Amino acid sequence: GAARLTEQAVVVGAGPSGLLAAIALAEGGIATALIGKPAPADHRTTALMSGSVTALETLGVWSLCRDQAAPLRTLRIADDTARLLRAPEARFEASEIGLPAFAYNIENRHLTAALEMRARALPLIRRIEVNVKALAAPDAPVTPTRSPGCSAPTSSTAAQAVAATEPQAAASVRSR
């Protein structure tokens, strides 16, 4: 049967972007439904610039993952062309401009684990671990369509905001 969500906001997609959006909303006092299965392990890396680190600090996430992040203290620019006359190598140190690092490199799996941990600690986030294929978004209610093979009950909501961070759901938001 269909259940009615009572949250003020709905975030579709439980990868890093969806987790971050749900955490930011919850930290702002907004009850949020986070819909999506946890993201699979991603062994790629992300370089987090100072603005991203500040956002993660503000939302209580950075302390959960900073030990897995490697500071990028030196930038090296090299001319990798095959020209006879090449530009000289240039090196820049973060300390030259008073920074501990230009950025921090972190494996996405560690960042996502920290975001998951923080999201699960916030009482204003309600997790609904199903994949969403599409969203029907009339004036109200918003009704997510489950992915094929999902047996979870459907839900609708009169949320004030819906954010789709999963590409397949974002691409298929439609009005009924």
N, C-alpha and C. Protein backbone atom coordinates (compact mmCIF):
# COMPACT_ATOMS: atom_id res chain seq x y z
N GLY A 1 0.81 -1.18 0.00
CA GLY A 1 0.00 0.00 0.00
C GLY A 1 0.86 1.25 0.00
N ALA A 2 0.25 2.36 -0.33
CA ALA A 2 0.97 3.63 -0.37
C ALA A 2 1.01 4.27 1.00
N ALA A 3 2.17 4.74 1.38
CA ALA A 3 2.36 5.45 2.65
C ALA A 3 2.57 6.91 2.34
N ARG A 4 2.21 7.78 3.27
CA ARG A 4 2.37 9.23 3.08
C ARG A 4 3.59 9.69 3.86
N LEU A 5 4.54 10.34 3.19
CA LEU A 5 5.69 10.92 3.86
C LEU A 5 5.30 12.27 4.43
N THR A 6 5.82 12.57 5.60
CA THR A 6 5.48 13.85 6.25
C THR A 6 6.65 14.81 6.30
N GLU A 7 7.77 14.44 5.72
CA GLU A 7 8.96 15.29 5.76
C GLU A 7 8.76 16.55 4.91
N GLN A 8 9.47 17.61 5.28
CA GLN A 8 9.39 18.86 4.54
C GLN A 8 10.15 18.80 3.23
N ALA A 9 11.16 17.95 3.14
CA ALA A 9 11.98 17.84 1.94
C ALA A 9 12.26 16.37 1.65
N VAL A 10 12.45 16.09 0.37
CA VAL A 10 12.78 14.74 -0.08
C VAL A 10 14.03 14.84 -0.94
N VAL A 11 15.02 14.01 -0.64
CA VAL A 11 16.23 13.91 -1.46
C VAL A 11 16.24 12.51 -2.04
N VAL A 12 16.29 12.44 -3.37
CA VAL A 12 16.32 11.15 -4.05
C VAL A 12 17.75 10.89 -4.50
N GLY A 13 18.33 9.82 -3.99
CA GLY A 13 19.71 9.47 -4.29
C GLY A 13 20.53 9.51 -3.03
N ALA A 14 21.15 8.40 -2.67
CA ALA A 14 21.89 8.30 -1.42
C ALA A 14 23.39 8.18 -1.64
N GLY A 15 23.87 8.71 -2.76
CA GLY A 15 25.31 8.80 -2.98
C GLY A 15 25.84 10.02 -2.24
N PRO A 16 27.08 10.41 -2.48
CA PRO A 16 27.66 11.55 -1.75
C PRO A 16 26.85 12.85 -1.88
N SER A 17 26.36 13.17 -3.08
CA SER A 17 25.60 14.41 -3.25
C SER A 17 24.28 14.38 -2.49
N GLY A 18 23.58 13.26 -2.57
CA GLY A 18 22.31 13.14 -1.85
C GLY A 18 22.50 13.17 -0.34
N LEU A 19 23.52 12.45 0.13
CA LEU A 19 23.82 12.46 1.56
C LEU A 19 24.14 13.87 2.05
N LEU A 20 24.97 14.58 1.29
CA LEU A 20 25.35 15.93 1.67
C LEU A 20 24.14 16.86 1.69
N ALA A 21 23.28 16.74 0.69
CA ALA A 21 22.06 17.56 0.65
C ALA A 21 21.16 17.28 1.85
N ALA A 22 20.97 15.99 2.17
CA ALA A 22 20.10 15.62 3.29
C ALA A 22 20.70 16.11 4.61
N ILE A 23 22.01 15.99 4.77
CA ILE A 23 22.66 16.46 6.00
C ILE A 23 22.50 17.96 6.14
N ALA A 24 22.73 18.70 5.06
CA ALA A 24 22.60 20.17 5.11
C ALA A 24 21.17 20.58 5.46
N LEU A 25 20.19 19.91 4.87
CA LEU A 25 18.79 20.23 5.19
C LEU A 25 18.49 19.93 6.66
N ALA A 26 18.90 18.76 7.12
CA ALA A 26 18.64 18.37 8.51
C ALA A 26 19.35 19.31 9.48
N GLU A 27 20.59 19.69 9.17
CA GLU A 27 21.31 20.64 10.03
C GLU A 27 20.61 21.99 10.06
N GLY A 28 19.87 22.30 9.01
CA GLY A 28 19.10 23.54 8.96
C GLY A 28 17.73 23.42 9.62
N GLY A 29 17.47 22.27 10.23
CA GLY A 29 16.20 22.08 10.95
C GLY A 29 15.06 21.59 10.07
N ILE A 30 15.36 21.08 8.89
CA ILE A 30 14.32 20.64 7.97
C ILE A 30 14.24 19.11 7.97
N ALA A 31 13.07 18.59 8.32
CA ALA A 31 12.85 17.14 8.29
C ALA A 31 12.97 16.67 6.84
N THR A 32 13.81 15.64 6.63
CA THR A 32 14.16 15.23 5.27
C THR A 32 14.04 13.72 5.10
N ALA A 33 13.40 13.31 4.02
CA ALA A 33 13.39 11.89 3.64
C ALA A 33 14.50 11.71 2.62
N LEU A 34 15.42 10.79 2.90
CA LEU A 34 16.52 10.46 1.99
C LEU A 34 16.18 9.11 1.37
N ILE A 35 15.86 9.13 0.06
CA ILE A 35 15.41 7.92 -0.62
C ILE A 35 16.50 7.42 -1.55
N GLY A 36 16.92 6.19 -1.34
CA GLY A 36 17.92 5.57 -2.21
C GLY A 36 18.72 4.55 -1.44
N LYS A 37 19.17 3.54 -2.16
CA LYS A 37 20.03 2.54 -1.54
C LYS A 37 21.42 3.14 -1.35
N PRO A 38 22.14 2.68 -0.32
CA PRO A 38 23.50 3.18 -0.12
C PRO A 38 24.35 2.99 -1.38
N ALA A 39 25.23 3.94 -1.61
CA ALA A 39 26.09 3.89 -2.80
C ALA A 39 27.08 2.72 -2.69
N PRO A 40 27.40 2.08 -3.81
CA PRO A 40 28.42 1.02 -3.78
C PRO A 40 29.79 1.64 -3.53
N ALA A 41 30.73 0.83 -3.07
CA ALA A 41 32.08 1.31 -2.80
C ALA A 41 32.68 1.91 -4.07
N ASP A 42 33.24 3.09 -3.94
CA ASP A 42 33.85 3.81 -5.06
C ASP A 42 35.30 4.07 -4.68
N HIS A 43 36.23 3.46 -5.39
CA HIS A 43 37.65 3.57 -5.04
C HIS A 43 38.37 4.72 -5.76
N ARG A 44 37.61 5.54 -6.48
CA ARG A 44 38.21 6.74 -7.07
C ARG A 44 38.46 7.75 -5.96
N THR A 45 39.15 8.83 -6.29
CA THR A 45 39.43 9.86 -5.29
C THR A 45 38.84 11.19 -5.71
N THR A 46 38.70 12.07 -4.73
CA THR A 46 38.22 13.43 -4.95
C THR A 46 39.17 14.38 -4.24
N ALA A 47 39.52 15.47 -4.90
CA ALA A 47 40.31 16.52 -4.27
C ALA A 47 39.34 17.56 -3.72
N LEU A 48 39.35 17.72 -2.43
CA LEU A 48 38.45 18.67 -1.77
C LEU A 48 39.18 19.98 -1.54
N MET A 49 38.70 21.04 -2.19
CA MET A 49 39.28 22.37 -2.01
C MET A 49 38.78 22.94 -0.69
N SER A 50 39.31 24.10 -0.29
CA SER A 50 39.02 24.66 1.03
C SER A 50 37.53 24.89 1.27
N GLY A 51 36.78 25.31 0.26
CA GLY A 51 35.34 25.52 0.44
C GLY A 51 34.60 24.24 0.78
N SER A 52 35.01 23.14 0.13
CA SER A 52 34.38 21.85 0.41
C SER A 52 34.74 21.37 1.81
N VAL A 53 35.99 21.56 2.21
CA VAL A 53 36.41 21.16 3.55
C VAL A 53 35.66 21.98 4.60
N THR A 54 35.50 23.28 4.35
CA THR A 54 34.74 24.13 5.28
C THR A 54 33.29 23.66 5.40
N ALA A 55 32.68 23.32 4.27
CA ALA A 55 31.30 22.81 4.30
C ALA A 55 31.22 21.52 5.10
N LEU A 56 32.16 20.61 4.86
CA LEU A 56 32.16 19.34 5.60
C LEU A 56 32.40 19.56 7.09
N GLU A 57 33.27 20.51 7.43
CA GLU A 57 33.49 20.86 8.86
C GLU A 57 32.20 21.38 9.47
N THR A 58 31.55 22.30 8.78
CA THR A 58 30.32 22.93 9.28
C THR A 58 29.22 21.89 9.52
N LEU A 59 29.17 20.87 8.67
CA LEU A 59 28.12 19.86 8.76
C LEU A 59 28.51 18.66 9.64
N GLY A 60 29.69 18.73 10.28
CA GLY A 60 30.10 17.67 11.19
C GLY A 60 30.59 16.41 10.51
N VAL A 61 31.05 16.52 9.27
CA VAL A 61 31.51 15.35 8.51
C VAL A 61 33.03 15.25 8.46
N TRP A 62 33.73 16.39 8.35
CA TRP A 62 35.17 16.38 8.15
C TRP A 62 35.92 15.63 9.25
N SER A 63 35.49 15.80 10.49
CA SER A 63 36.17 15.11 11.59
C SER A 63 36.05 13.59 11.47
N LEU A 64 35.07 13.12 10.72
CA LEU A 64 34.86 11.68 10.55
C LEU A 64 35.71 11.09 9.42
N CYS A 65 36.31 11.94 8.59
CA CYS A 65 37.08 11.41 7.45
C CYS A 65 38.44 12.08 7.24
N ARG A 66 38.77 13.09 8.00
CA ARG A 66 40.01 13.83 7.74
C ARG A 66 41.25 12.95 7.87
N ASP A 67 41.23 11.92 8.71
CA ASP A 67 42.39 11.05 8.86
C ASP A 67 42.66 10.21 7.62
N GLN A 68 41.66 10.05 6.75
CA GLN A 68 41.84 9.30 5.50
C GLN A 68 42.20 10.22 4.33
N ALA A 69 42.26 11.52 4.57
CA ALA A 69 42.55 12.48 3.50
C ALA A 69 44.03 12.85 3.48
N ALA A 70 44.58 12.96 2.29
CA ALA A 70 45.99 13.32 2.12
C ALA A 70 46.09 14.78 1.69
N PRO A 71 46.82 15.59 2.44
CA PRO A 71 46.96 17.00 2.05
C PRO A 71 47.76 17.15 0.76
N LEU A 72 47.30 18.02 -0.12
CA LEU A 72 48.02 18.33 -1.35
C LEU A 72 48.72 19.66 -1.11
N ARG A 73 50.00 19.56 -0.74
CA ARG A 73 50.76 20.74 -0.32
C ARG A 73 51.57 21.38 -1.45
N THR A 74 51.83 20.63 -2.50
CA THR A 74 52.65 21.13 -3.61
C THR A 74 51.92 20.94 -4.93
N LEU A 75 51.92 21.97 -5.75
CA LEU A 75 51.40 21.87 -7.12
C LEU A 75 52.59 22.00 -8.06
N ARG A 76 52.67 21.10 -9.00
CA ARG A 76 53.77 21.11 -9.98
C ARG A 76 53.17 21.23 -11.36
N ILE A 77 53.64 22.18 -12.14
CA ILE A 77 53.19 22.36 -13.51
C ILE A 77 54.37 22.05 -14.42
N ALA A 78 54.18 21.09 -15.31
CA ALA A 78 55.25 20.66 -16.21
C ALA A 78 54.77 20.73 -17.65
N ASP A 79 55.63 21.15 -18.52
CA ASP A 79 55.34 21.20 -19.96
C ASP A 79 55.62 19.81 -20.51
N ASP A 80 54.58 19.09 -20.86
CA ASP A 80 54.71 17.72 -21.32
C ASP A 80 54.62 17.63 -22.84
N THR A 81 54.92 18.73 -23.50
CA THR A 81 54.87 18.70 -24.97
C THR A 81 56.18 18.14 -25.50
N ALA A 82 56.19 17.84 -26.76
CA ALA A 82 57.40 17.32 -27.40
C ALA A 82 58.16 18.43 -28.13
N ARG A 83 57.84 19.66 -27.83
CA ARG A 83 58.50 20.79 -28.50
C ARG A 83 59.98 20.85 -28.11
N LEU A 84 60.76 21.43 -29.00
CA LEU A 84 62.19 21.58 -28.75
C LEU A 84 62.43 22.52 -27.57
N LEU A 85 61.71 23.64 -27.54
CA LEU A 85 61.81 24.59 -26.42
C LEU A 85 60.56 24.45 -25.56
N ARG A 86 60.77 24.00 -24.35
CA ARG A 86 59.64 23.79 -23.44
C ARG A 86 59.72 24.77 -22.28
N ALA A 87 58.56 25.07 -21.72
CA ALA A 87 58.50 25.94 -20.56
C ALA A 87 59.14 25.23 -19.36
N PRO A 88 59.79 25.98 -18.48
CA PRO A 88 60.40 25.34 -17.31
C PRO A 88 59.31 24.86 -16.33
N GLU A 89 59.65 23.85 -15.55
CA GLU A 89 58.73 23.35 -14.52
C GLU A 89 58.49 24.44 -13.48
N ALA A 90 57.27 24.53 -13.03
CA ALA A 90 56.93 25.48 -11.96
C ALA A 90 56.37 24.69 -10.78
N ARG A 91 56.80 25.05 -9.58
CA ARG A 91 56.30 24.41 -8.35
C ARG A 91 55.75 25.48 -7.43
N PHE A 92 54.63 25.19 -6.84
CA PHE A 92 54.00 26.10 -5.89
C PHE A 92 53.77 25.35 -4.60
N GLU A 93 54.10 25.96 -3.48
CA GLU A 93 53.90 25.37 -2.16
C GLU A 93 52.75 26.09 -1.47
N ALA A 94 51.84 25.35 -0.85
CA ALA A 94 50.72 25.95 -0.15
C ALA A 94 51.20 26.88 0.96
N SER A 95 52.30 26.54 1.59
CA SER A 95 52.83 27.36 2.68
C SER A 95 53.23 28.76 2.21
N GLU A 96 53.52 28.91 0.91
CA GLU A 96 53.88 30.23 0.36
C GLU A 96 52.74 31.22 0.46
N ILE A 97 51.52 30.72 0.52
CA ILE A 97 50.37 31.62 0.64
C ILE A 97 49.62 31.40 1.97
N GLY A 98 50.33 30.81 2.92
CA GLY A 98 49.78 30.66 4.26
C GLY A 98 48.75 29.57 4.44
N LEU A 99 48.72 28.60 3.55
CA LEU A 99 47.78 27.49 3.65
C LEU A 99 48.49 26.21 4.08
N PRO A 100 47.83 25.36 4.86
CA PRO A 100 48.42 24.06 5.18
C PRO A 100 48.44 23.14 3.97
N ALA A 101 47.46 23.32 3.05
CA ALA A 101 47.36 22.51 1.84
C ALA A 101 46.47 23.24 0.84
N PHE A 102 46.71 22.98 -0.45
CA PHE A 102 45.84 23.53 -1.49
C PHE A 102 44.49 22.82 -1.46
N ALA A 103 44.52 21.54 -1.15
CA ALA A 103 43.32 20.70 -1.14
C ALA A 103 43.66 19.43 -0.38
N TYR A 104 42.66 18.57 -0.23
CA TYR A 104 42.85 17.27 0.41
C TYR A 104 42.29 16.21 -0.52
N ASN A 105 43.07 15.18 -0.78
CA ASN A 105 42.65 14.09 -1.64
C ASN A 105 42.12 12.96 -0.76
N ILE A 106 40.94 12.45 -1.09
CA ILE A 106 40.33 11.40 -0.27
C ILE A 106 39.65 10.39 -1.18
N GLU A 107 39.75 9.12 -0.81
CA GLU A 107 39.01 8.10 -1.55
C GLU A 107 37.53 8.32 -1.32
N ASN A 108 36.76 8.23 -2.40
CA ASN A 108 35.31 8.46 -2.30
C ASN A 108 34.65 7.51 -1.30
N ARG A 109 35.16 6.30 -1.17
CA ARG A 109 34.54 5.35 -0.23
C ARG A 109 34.67 5.85 1.22
N HIS A 110 35.78 6.52 1.55
CA HIS A 110 35.94 7.06 2.90
C HIS A 110 35.04 8.28 3.12
N LEU A 111 34.95 9.12 2.10
CA LEU A 111 34.07 10.29 2.20
C LEU A 111 32.62 9.86 2.33
N THR A 112 32.21 8.89 1.52
CA THR A 112 30.83 8.40 1.58
C THR A 112 30.53 7.74 2.92
N ALA A 113 31.47 6.99 3.46
CA ALA A 113 31.27 6.36 4.77
C ALA A 113 31.08 7.42 5.86
N ALA A 114 31.84 8.50 5.79
CA ALA A 114 31.69 9.59 6.78
C ALA A 114 30.34 10.27 6.61
N LEU A 115 29.92 10.50 5.37
CA LEU A 115 28.60 11.11 5.12
C LEU A 115 27.49 10.19 5.63
N GLU A 116 27.62 8.90 5.38
CA GLU A 116 26.63 7.91 5.87
C GLU A 116 26.54 7.96 7.40
N MET A 117 27.70 7.96 8.05
CA MET A 117 27.74 7.97 9.51
C MET A 117 27.04 9.23 10.05
N ARG A 118 27.34 10.36 9.46
CA ARG A 118 26.73 11.62 9.92
C ARG A 118 25.23 11.63 9.66
N ALA A 119 24.82 11.18 8.48
CA ALA A 119 23.39 11.17 8.15
C ALA A 119 22.61 10.28 9.11
N ARG A 120 23.17 9.13 9.44
CA ARG A 120 22.47 8.20 10.34
C ARG A 120 22.37 8.74 11.77
N ALA A 121 23.24 9.68 12.11
CA ALA A 121 23.21 10.26 13.46
C ALA A 121 22.21 11.42 13.59
N LEU A 122 21.65 11.88 12.48
CA LEU A 122 20.75 13.03 12.54
C LEU A 122 19.30 12.57 12.58
N PRO A 123 18.57 12.92 13.65
CA PRO A 123 17.19 12.45 13.80
C PRO A 123 16.22 13.04 12.77
N LEU A 124 16.56 14.15 12.11
CA LEU A 124 15.66 14.73 11.13
C LEU A 124 15.77 14.08 9.75
N ILE A 125 16.66 13.08 9.61
CA ILE A 125 16.77 12.37 8.34
C ILE A 125 16.10 11.01 8.47
N ARG A 126 15.15 10.75 7.59
CA ARG A 126 14.50 9.43 7.53
C ARG A 126 15.02 8.72 6.28
N ARG A 127 15.67 7.58 6.48
CA ARG A 127 16.22 6.81 5.36
C ARG A 127 15.16 5.87 4.81
N ILE A 128 15.02 5.87 3.49
CA ILE A 128 14.15 4.92 2.80
C ILE A 128 15.04 4.28 1.73
N GLU A 129 15.48 3.05 1.98
CA GLU A 129 16.48 2.42 1.14
C GLU A 129 15.85 1.65 -0.01
N VAL A 130 15.34 2.39 -0.98
CA VAL A 130 14.85 1.83 -2.24
C VAL A 130 15.40 2.71 -3.36
N ASN A 131 15.56 2.13 -4.53
CA ASN A 131 15.98 2.91 -5.68
C ASN A 131 14.76 3.50 -6.37
N VAL A 132 14.89 4.70 -6.84
CA VAL A 132 13.79 5.40 -7.50
C VAL A 132 14.11 5.51 -8.99
N LYS A 133 13.13 5.17 -9.82
CA LYS A 133 13.30 5.24 -11.26
C LYS A 133 12.85 6.59 -11.81
N ALA A 134 11.79 7.16 -11.23
CA ALA A 134 11.25 8.41 -11.74
C ALA A 134 10.48 9.11 -10.63
N LEU A 135 10.23 10.39 -10.81
CA LEU A 135 9.42 11.17 -9.88
C LEU A 135 8.30 11.84 -10.65
N ALA A 136 7.09 11.73 -10.14
CA ALA A 136 5.98 12.48 -10.69
C ALA A 136 5.79 13.66 -9.77
N ALA A 137 5.88 14.87 -10.30
CA ALA A 137 5.89 16.07 -9.46
C ALA A 137 4.79 17.05 -9.82
N PRO A 138 3.56 16.75 -9.49
CA PRO A 138 2.50 17.73 -9.67
C PRO A 138 2.57 18.72 -8.50
N ASP A 139 1.57 19.58 -8.36
CA ASP A 139 1.59 20.53 -7.25
C ASP A 139 1.79 19.79 -5.93
N ALA A 140 1.11 18.71 -5.71
CA ALA A 140 1.26 17.84 -4.55
C ALA A 140 0.33 16.67 -4.78
N PRO A 141 0.63 15.51 -4.39
CA PRO A 141 1.87 15.06 -3.76
C PRO A 141 2.92 14.64 -4.80
N VAL A 142 4.15 14.50 -4.37
CA VAL A 142 5.23 13.96 -5.20
C VAL A 142 5.24 12.46 -4.98
N THR A 143 5.28 11.71 -6.06
CA THR A 143 5.25 10.25 -5.95
C THR A 143 6.46 9.64 -6.65
N PRO A 144 7.39 9.05 -5.89
CA PRO A 144 8.52 8.37 -6.53
C PRO A 144 8.07 7.03 -7.11
N THR A 145 8.57 6.67 -8.28
CA THR A 145 8.33 5.37 -8.89
C THR A 145 9.54 4.49 -8.62
N ARG A 146 9.29 3.32 -8.02
CA ARG A 146 10.39 2.43 -7.67
C ARG A 146 11.02 1.81 -8.91
N SER A 147 12.27 1.41 -8.74
CA SER A 147 12.96 0.68 -9.80
C SER A 147 12.30 -0.68 -9.96
N PRO A 148 12.37 -1.28 -11.17
CA PRO A 148 11.80 -2.62 -11.38
C PRO A 148 12.38 -3.62 -10.39
N GLY A 149 11.52 -4.50 -9.91
CA GLY A 149 11.95 -5.55 -9.00
C GLY A 149 11.95 -5.14 -7.54
N CYS A 150 11.64 -3.87 -7.24
CA CYS A 150 11.62 -3.40 -5.86
C CYS A 150 10.24 -3.69 -5.28
N SER A 151 10.18 -4.32 -4.12
CA SER A 151 8.90 -4.70 -3.53
C SER A 151 8.47 -3.79 -2.40
N ALA A 152 9.23 -2.71 -2.12
CA ALA A 152 8.87 -1.80 -1.03
C ALA A 152 7.59 -1.06 -1.39
N PRO A 153 6.79 -0.68 -0.35
CA PRO A 153 5.56 0.05 -0.64
C PRO A 153 5.88 1.43 -1.23
N THR A 154 4.95 1.93 -2.06
CA THR A 154 5.14 3.26 -2.63
C THR A 154 4.78 4.31 -1.59
N SER A 155 5.29 5.52 -1.77
CA SER A 155 5.01 6.62 -0.86
C SER A 155 4.71 7.86 -1.68
N SER A 156 3.96 8.78 -1.11
CA SER A 156 3.79 10.08 -1.72
C SER A 156 4.02 11.11 -0.62
N THR A 157 4.32 12.34 -1.03
CA THR A 157 4.63 13.37 -0.05
C THR A 157 4.18 14.72 -0.56
N ALA A 158 3.86 15.59 0.35
CA ALA A 158 3.56 16.97 0.00
C ALA A 158 4.75 17.84 0.39
N ALA A 159 5.94 17.32 0.22
CA ALA A 159 7.17 18.02 0.60
C ALA A 159 7.25 19.37 -0.10
N GLN A 160 7.88 20.33 0.59
CA GLN A 160 8.07 21.66 0.01
C GLN A 160 9.21 21.67 -0.99
N ALA A 161 10.12 20.70 -0.90
CA ALA A 161 11.26 20.64 -1.82
C ALA A 161 11.61 19.20 -2.12
N VAL A 162 11.96 18.94 -3.37
CA VAL A 162 12.41 17.62 -3.78
C VAL A 162 13.70 17.82 -4.57
N ALA A 163 14.76 17.10 -4.17
CA ALA A 163 16.03 17.15 -4.89
C ALA A 163 16.34 15.75 -5.38
N ALA A 164 16.55 15.61 -6.68
CA ALA A 164 16.90 14.31 -7.26
C ALA A 164 18.38 14.33 -7.60
N THR A 165 19.17 13.53 -6.87
CA THR A 165 20.61 13.48 -7.12
C THR A 165 21.01 12.26 -7.92
N GLU A 166 20.07 11.36 -8.17
CA GLU A 166 20.32 10.20 -9.02
C GLU A 166 20.00 10.59 -10.45
N PRO A 167 20.91 10.37 -11.39
CA PRO A 167 20.68 10.82 -12.77
C PRO A 167 19.38 10.31 -13.38
N GLN A 168 19.05 9.03 -13.15
CA GLN A 168 17.85 8.49 -13.78
C GLN A 168 16.59 9.13 -13.21
N ALA A 169 16.57 9.47 -11.93
CA ALA A 169 15.40 10.12 -11.35
C ALA A 169 15.35 11.58 -11.75
N ALA A 170 16.49 12.26 -11.75
CA ALA A 170 16.53 13.68 -12.12
C ALA A 170 16.09 13.87 -13.56
N ALA A 171 16.48 12.95 -14.44
CA ALA A 171 16.15 13.08 -15.85
C ALA A 171 14.68 12.81 -16.12
N SER A 172 13.99 12.17 -15.19
CA SER A 172 12.61 11.80 -15.45
C SER A 172 11.62 12.47 -14.53
N VAL A 173 11.98 13.59 -13.90
CA VAL A 173 11.02 14.32 -13.09
C VAL A 173 9.97 14.88 -14.05
N ARG A 174 8.72 14.62 -13.76
CA ARG A 174 7.66 15.07 -14.67
C ARG A 174 6.44 15.46 -13.88
N SER A 175 5.61 16.28 -14.46
CA SER A 175 4.32 16.64 -13.83
C SER A 175 3.27 15.66 -14.31
N ARG A 176 2.35 15.38 -13.40
CA ARG A 176 1.24 14.49 -13.79
C ARG A 176 0.10 15.32 -14.28
